[in-house]
Protein backbone atom coordinates (compact mmCIF):
# COMPACT_ATOMS: atom_id res chain seq x y z
CA MET A 1 137.04 179.27 55.61
CA ASN A 2 138.55 175.67 55.58
CA SER A 3 142.43 176.20 54.36
CA VAL A 4 141.74 173.21 51.85
CA ASP A 5 138.69 174.95 50.45
CA GLN A 6 140.17 178.31 50.01
CA PHE A 7 143.30 176.43 48.25
CA VAL A 8 140.74 174.76 45.66
CA ARG A 9 139.06 177.98 45.31
CA GLU A 10 142.02 180.11 44.69
CA ALA A 11 144.91 177.39 43.54
CA LEU A 12 142.75 174.86 41.42
CA GLY A 13 140.09 177.76 40.48
CA HIS A 14 137.36 175.43 41.43
CA GLN A 15 134.54 176.05 43.85
CA PRO A 16 134.09 172.41 45.32
CA ARG A 17 131.10 170.54 46.24
CA ASP A 18 132.84 167.71 48.03
CA LEU A 19 135.40 168.82 50.19
CA HIS A 20 136.55 165.72 50.85
CA LEU A 21 137.46 164.74 47.60
CA PHE A 22 140.18 167.14 47.72
CA GLU A 23 141.47 166.50 51.10
CA ARG A 24 141.81 163.07 50.47
CA ALA A 25 143.73 164.25 46.99
CA LEU A 26 146.32 165.92 49.98
CA THR A 27 146.62 162.82 51.99
CA HIS A 28 149.79 160.49 51.96
CA SER A 29 149.27 157.03 52.77
CA SER A 30 151.43 157.79 55.88
CA ALA A 31 148.87 159.73 56.95
CA ASN A 32 145.88 157.60 56.39
CA SER A 33 145.99 154.97 54.37
CA ARG A 34 142.62 154.22 53.91
CA GLU A 35 142.04 157.37 52.73
CA SER A 36 145.25 158.12 50.52
CA TYR A 37 145.78 160.19 47.11
CA GLU A 38 146.56 157.20 45.62
CA ARG A 39 143.57 155.91 43.62
CA LEU A 40 142.86 159.55 42.69
CA GLU A 41 146.57 159.71 41.63
CA PHE A 42 145.64 156.65 39.01
CA LEU A 43 142.67 158.49 37.56
CA GLY A 44 144.39 162.20 37.43
CA ASP A 45 147.29 160.39 35.73
CA ARG A 46 145.03 159.42 32.98
CA VAL A 47 143.52 162.99 32.76
CA LEU A 48 146.68 164.79 32.33
CA GLY A 49 148.20 162.27 29.74
CA LEU A 50 144.62 162.76 27.63
CA VAL A 51 144.76 166.76 28.02
CA ILE A 52 148.41 167.08 27.44
CA ALA A 53 148.12 164.47 23.97
CA ARG A 54 145.29 166.20 22.42
CA TRP A 55 146.79 169.61 23.14
CA LEU A 56 149.92 168.66 21.63
CA TYR A 57 147.84 166.75 18.36
CA ASP A 58 146.13 170.39 18.03
CA SER A 59 149.44 172.60 18.30
CA TYR A 60 151.76 170.46 16.17
CA ALA A 61 149.54 169.18 13.20
CA GLN A 62 152.54 168.61 10.98
CA GLU A 63 154.97 166.71 13.40
CA PRO A 64 154.96 163.02 13.35
CA GLU A 65 153.71 160.62 16.35
CA GLY A 66 157.55 159.90 17.47
CA GLN A 67 158.21 164.01 17.83
CA LEU A 68 155.06 164.33 19.72
CA SER A 69 155.94 161.54 22.42
CA LYS A 70 158.63 163.09 22.91
CA ARG A 71 156.99 166.36 23.43
CA TYR A 72 154.41 164.50 25.78
CA ASN A 73 156.86 162.18 28.02
CA ALA A 74 158.95 165.76 29.02
CA LEU A 75 155.33 167.67 29.70
CA VAL A 76 153.65 164.51 31.98
CA ASN A 77 156.56 163.14 33.65
CA ARG A 78 157.05 163.43 37.54
CA GLU A 79 159.19 166.37 37.68
CA SER A 80 156.87 168.51 35.42
CA CYS A 81 153.91 167.51 37.81
CA ALA A 82 155.88 168.60 40.78
CA ASP A 83 157.15 172.20 39.68
CA VAL A 84 153.19 172.58 38.94
CA GLY A 85 152.77 171.71 42.40
CA ARG A 86 155.03 173.99 43.91
CA GLN A 87 153.97 176.69 41.60
CA ILE A 88 150.56 176.66 43.06
CA GLY A 89 152.01 176.40 47.05
CA LEU A 90 150.85 172.46 47.41
CA PRO A 91 154.04 171.28 49.84
CA ALA A 92 152.72 173.07 52.93
CA LEU A 93 149.10 171.37 52.56
CA ILE A 94 150.58 167.80 51.76
CA ARG A 95 148.78 165.76 54.79
CA LEU A 96 151.99 163.05 55.89
CA GLY A 97 152.60 160.96 58.93
CA LYS A 98 155.42 162.11 61.29
CA GLN A 99 158.25 160.28 60.00
CA ALA A 100 157.16 161.35 56.61
CA ARG A 101 157.43 164.88 57.31
CA GLU A 102 160.22 164.87 59.25
CA ASP A 103 162.14 163.35 56.08
CA GLY A 104 160.95 165.81 53.71
CA ALA A 105 158.48 163.69 51.75
CA ASN A 106 156.39 166.67 51.24
CA ARG A 107 159.34 168.16 49.20
CA SER A 108 160.16 165.35 46.91
CA ASP A 109 159.07 165.15 43.52
CA ASN A 110 157.52 161.63 43.96
CA VAL A 111 155.08 163.01 46.33
CA VAL A 112 154.26 166.50 45.15
CA GLY A 113 153.67 165.22 41.70
CA ASP A 114 151.15 161.98 42.93
CA VAL A 115 149.55 164.76 44.35
CA VAL A 116 148.95 166.96 41.49
CA GLU A 117 147.72 163.93 39.73
CA ALA A 118 145.71 162.90 42.47
CA LEU A 119 143.90 166.92 42.37
CA LEU A 120 143.53 166.21 38.80
CA GLY A 121 141.06 163.12 39.54
CA ALA A 122 139.24 165.13 42.24
CA LEU A 123 138.70 168.12 39.67
CA LEU A 124 137.11 165.42 37.30
CA ILE A 125 134.94 163.76 39.69
CA ASP A 126 133.65 166.95 41.39
CA GLY A 127 133.65 169.29 38.69
CA GLY A 128 134.10 167.55 34.96
CA MET A 129 136.30 166.88 32.43
CA GLU A 130 136.53 170.66 31.23
CA VAL A 131 137.20 171.70 34.92
CA ALA A 132 140.15 169.32 35.00
CA GLU A 133 141.28 170.46 31.68
CA ALA A 134 141.03 174.24 32.17
CA PHE A 135 143.23 173.61 35.15
CA VAL A 136 145.73 171.47 32.92
CA ARG A 137 145.54 174.14 30.47
CA ARG A 138 146.56 176.99 32.96
CA ASN A 139 149.54 175.64 34.67
CA TRP A 140 151.17 173.74 31.90
CA ALA A 141 150.55 176.54 29.28
CA ASP A 142 154.44 178.16 29.93
CA ALA A 143 155.76 174.57 29.21
CA ILE A 144 154.17 174.02 25.75
CA GLN A 145 154.78 177.25 24.57
CA HIS A 146 158.43 177.34 25.53
CA GLN A 147 159.31 173.39 24.91
CA GLY A 148 160.55 174.77 21.40
CA ARG A 149 161.84 171.59 19.38
CA ALA A 150 160.66 168.35 20.31
CA PRO A 151 163.11 167.29 23.40
CA GLN A 152 164.88 164.32 22.78
CA HIS A 153 164.82 162.11 25.89
CA PRO A 154 168.39 161.12 27.32
CA LYS A 155 167.87 157.46 27.15
CA SER A 156 166.72 157.45 23.62
CA GLN A 157 169.82 159.91 22.80
CA LEU A 158 172.08 157.87 24.33
CA GLN A 159 170.82 154.65 22.59
CA GLU A 160 171.02 156.66 18.74
CA LEU A 161 174.05 157.40 19.86
CA ALA A 162 175.55 154.09 20.55
CA ALA A 163 174.03 152.65 17.74
CA ALA A 164 175.64 155.62 15.46
CA ARG A 165 179.20 154.43 16.65
CA ASP A 166 178.20 150.74 15.84
CA LEU A 167 178.52 150.17 19.77
CA LYS A 168 176.46 147.72 21.90
CA ALA A 169 173.05 149.22 23.84
CA PRO A 170 173.50 150.93 27.29
CA ALA A 171 173.66 148.82 30.05
CA TYR A 172 171.52 150.01 33.02
CA GLU A 173 172.58 148.48 36.69
CA VAL A 174 170.42 149.49 39.74
CA VAL A 175 173.78 149.86 42.35
CA GLY A 176 172.17 151.42 45.28
CA ARG A 177 169.30 152.42 47.12
CA SER A 178 169.01 154.59 50.23
CA GLY A 179 166.28 156.88 51.88
CA ALA A 180 162.57 156.15 53.33
CA HIS A 181 160.09 153.62 52.00
CA HIS A 182 158.00 156.48 50.72
CA ALA A 183 160.70 158.63 49.29
CA PRO A 184 163.23 156.19 48.02
CA VAL A 185 166.52 157.19 46.38
CA PHE A 186 167.71 154.64 43.64
CA THR A 187 171.17 154.97 42.52
CA VAL A 188 171.71 153.89 39.13
CA LYS A 189 175.12 153.23 36.78
CA VAL A 190 174.73 153.07 32.82
CA SER A 191 177.59 152.42 30.79
CA VAL A 192 178.37 152.04 27.03
CA LYS A 193 181.29 149.64 26.02
CA GLY A 194 183.23 152.29 24.17
CA LEU A 195 181.96 155.33 25.23
CA GLY A 196 182.21 155.25 28.69
CA GLU A 197 179.76 154.86 32.48
CA ALA A 198 177.98 157.11 34.57
CA GLN A 199 175.90 156.95 37.33
CA ALA A 200 173.12 159.35 38.92
CA ASP A 201 170.27 159.30 41.98
CA GLY A 202 166.78 159.39 41.10
CA GLY A 203 162.82 159.15 42.93
CA SER A 204 162.33 155.79 41.21
CA LYS A 205 164.61 153.61 38.77
CA GLN A 206 163.05 155.41 35.54
CA ASP A 207 164.31 158.65 36.82
CA ALA A 208 167.44 157.21 38.14
CA GLU A 209 168.31 155.54 34.68
CA THR A 210 167.40 158.74 32.78
CA ALA A 211 169.60 161.12 35.40
CA ALA A 212 172.54 158.40 34.70
CA ALA A 213 171.83 158.59 30.58
CA ALA A 214 171.89 162.62 30.87
CA ALA A 215 175.34 162.15 32.91
CA LEU A 216 176.87 160.05 30.54
CA LEU A 217 175.71 162.28 27.56
CA GLY A 218 177.20 165.27 29.61
CA GLN A 219 180.52 163.80 29.76
CA LEU A 220 180.84 163.02 26.08
């Protein structure tokens, strides 16, 4: 049995009709730019968002939109998708160009998380919304059940702290960028006059800003 076919059946819980869709979902642009996962990722991102939003809406009937948004953001971010990808053994199956593999792109949150979303896009096309939703509900169930109180995003928390002390809003600055083109690492510094400053790395500017905000909150 083809290893991708076996993966789709066992890890995704689906009997594929068009195996090529799933092969494409596992293919990084460094291996084949014309047949990469990027379009499927675009679709899968919307599938994940819709399923998680409806799930939270039904599960937390008394919570206002702001609290639901905090829960949502923590569940659909790149790290959460990458965690799911690693749990189902995804890194070993991602198809990469030689340099990207040597750089460890199949271990990065960016790539693993993107492929999870691409696989959701493939499940939607090949099996329909019910099949895609079933995958999300199996693999995000623990995260939702153990979330507890709605998590506060570090950037929002830092901004609220600054406002509470009548200080200016946090200022974020990209102070460095390194790594390969397909797996960049951004270094961002956040500063709040009167509170201090901190910096951190991330696979995107947004991730680095979040990590920097968390680092400054940790200092405080």
